[in-house]
Amino acid sequence: MRLRGVAGALATAALVAACASTGPSGSPVATSKVDLPPSYKFAPAAITVMAGTEVTWTNDDHFTHSVQFLDGGLPNAPLMMDPGATATFTFSAPGLYHYQCSLHPKDMQGTVQVTS
């Protein structure tokens, strides 16, 4: 019985962590700042900004990470970030832009929704 309680608590914690990376109902969060906490993820993973906004990613993890854009029309070379470093990019055109950490692409993915 005790094991079932621990499993339930772990499942609840995982659900709360997953919901914290986006807004209500999985919608993008209106922000220009993305954190890379010590967990191999982008937080929030989905953001929305107005065209012309500079987005800043801050690597608060203990490992090197990057931001590599996956959509055409954006630089393909990864923006590398050592621990404690930042990377910035200004989104000039509306659209949905996908990115990943080029070093950890299975675990670290995100999107930027740019509106006019």
Protein backbone atom coordinates (compact mmCIF):
# COMPACT_ATOMS: atom_id res chain seq x y z
CA MET A 1 0.00 0.00 0.00
CA ARG A 2 2.83 2.38 0.84
CA LEU A 3 4.46 1.80 -2.58
CA ARG A 4 1.23 2.79 -4.32
CA GLY A 5 1.24 6.12 -2.42
CA VAL A 6 4.82 6.85 -3.47
CA ALA A 7 4.02 6.01 -7.10
CA GLY A 8 1.01 8.32 -6.99
CA ALA A 9 3.07 11.15 -5.53
CA LEU A 10 5.72 10.71 -8.24
CA ALA A 11 3.09 10.71 -10.98
CA THR A 12 1.56 13.89 -9.55
CA ALA A 13 4.96 15.59 -9.37
CA ALA A 14 5.69 14.66 -13.01
CA LEU A 15 2.34 16.07 -14.11
CA VAL A 16 2.91 19.35 -12.24
CA ALA A 17 6.39 19.71 -13.77
CA ALA A 18 5.04 19.11 -17.28
CA CYS A 19 2.29 21.69 -16.84
CA ALA A 20 4.75 24.27 -15.52
CA SER A 21 6.54 24.45 -18.89
CA THR A 22 3.54 25.92 -20.72
CA GLY A 23 0.55 28.03 -19.82
CA PRO A 24 -2.99 26.91 -19.08
CA SER A 25 -4.27 24.27 -21.50
CA GLY A 26 -0.78 23.86 -22.97
CA SER A 27 -0.82 27.32 -24.53
CA PRO A 28 2.45 29.25 -25.03
CA VAL A 29 3.56 31.60 -22.26
CA ALA A 30 3.89 35.29 -23.14
CA THR A 31 7.53 35.95 -22.25
CA SER A 32 10.84 36.75 -23.88
CA LYS A 33 12.91 34.80 -21.34
CA VAL A 34 13.52 31.04 -21.35
CA ASP A 35 15.39 29.29 -18.55
CA LEU A 36 17.40 26.09 -18.84
CA PRO A 37 17.18 24.77 -15.27
CA PRO A 38 19.23 21.78 -14.06
CA SER A 39 16.89 19.29 -15.71
CA TYR A 40 17.58 19.09 -19.47
CA LYS A 41 14.58 21.18 -20.48
CA PHE A 42 13.57 24.64 -21.67
CA ALA A 43 11.25 26.44 -19.23
CA PRO A 44 8.84 27.45 -20.50
CA ALA A 45 9.09 25.16 -23.54
CA ALA A 46 6.51 27.12 -25.57
CA ILE A 47 6.50 30.91 -25.61
CA THR A 48 4.82 33.67 -27.59
CA VAL A 49 6.28 37.08 -28.45
CA MET A 50 5.53 39.99 -30.77
CA ALA A 51 7.58 40.38 -33.96
CA GLY A 52 10.74 42.37 -33.23
CA THR A 53 11.19 40.88 -29.76
CA GLU A 54 14.59 39.67 -28.58
CA VAL A 55 14.33 36.33 -26.78
CA THR A 56 16.95 35.39 -24.18
CA TRP A 57 17.78 31.83 -23.13
CA THR A 58 19.73 31.49 -19.86
CA ASN A 59 21.63 28.29 -19.10
CA ASP A 60 21.24 27.67 -15.36
CA ASP A 61 22.20 24.01 -15.77
CA HIS A 62 25.59 22.48 -14.96
CA PHE A 63 26.12 21.36 -18.56
CA THR A 64 26.61 23.10 -21.91
CA HIS A 65 23.43 23.45 -23.96
CA SER A 66 22.40 25.22 -27.16
CA VAL A 67 19.53 26.70 -29.10
CA GLN A 68 19.38 25.34 -32.65
CA PHE A 69 16.56 26.54 -34.89
CA LEU A 70 14.87 23.86 -36.98
CA ASP A 71 12.82 25.99 -39.37
CA GLY A 72 14.09 27.46 -42.62
CA GLY A 73 14.92 31.14 -42.77
CA LEU A 74 16.63 31.16 -39.36
CA PRO A 75 20.29 30.50 -38.61
CA ASN A 76 21.00 26.76 -38.45
CA ALA A 77 24.24 27.02 -36.45
CA PRO A 78 23.55 26.32 -32.76
CA LEU A 79 23.79 29.20 -30.28
CA MET A 80 26.04 27.52 -27.69
CA MET A 81 25.73 28.28 -23.96
CA ASP A 82 28.18 27.17 -21.31
CA PRO A 83 26.77 26.99 -17.75
CA GLY A 84 25.74 30.49 -16.65
CA ALA A 85 25.77 31.90 -20.20
CA THR A 86 22.95 33.38 -22.25
CA ALA A 87 21.99 33.35 -25.92
CA THR A 88 19.72 35.86 -27.63
CA PHE A 89 17.87 36.04 -30.92
CA THR A 90 15.47 38.65 -32.31
CA PHE A 91 12.44 37.25 -34.12
CA SER A 92 11.48 39.68 -36.87
CA ALA A 93 8.76 37.79 -38.77
CA PRO A 94 5.52 36.22 -37.50
CA GLY A 95 5.37 32.43 -37.46
CA LEU A 96 5.88 29.35 -35.34
CA TYR A 97 9.56 28.54 -34.83
CA HIS A 98 10.84 25.22 -33.49
CA TYR A 99 14.17 24.78 -31.77
CA GLN A 100 16.14 22.19 -29.84
CA CYS A 101 19.35 21.76 -27.91
CA SER A 102 21.72 20.35 -30.53
CA LEU A 103 23.52 18.40 -27.79
CA HIS A 104 20.36 16.90 -26.23
CA PRO A 105 17.69 16.94 -29.00
CA LYS A 106 15.61 14.06 -27.59
CA ASP A 107 15.07 15.82 -24.26
CA MET A 108 15.22 19.53 -25.04
CA GLN A 109 12.79 21.02 -27.56
CA GLY A 110 10.85 24.27 -27.65
CA THR A 111 8.80 26.64 -29.77
CA VAL A 112 8.47 30.39 -30.20
CA GLN A 113 5.15 31.67 -31.57
CA VAL A 114 5.78 35.13 -33.07
CA THR A 115 2.76 37.33 -33.67
CA SER A 116 2.40 40.67 -35.46
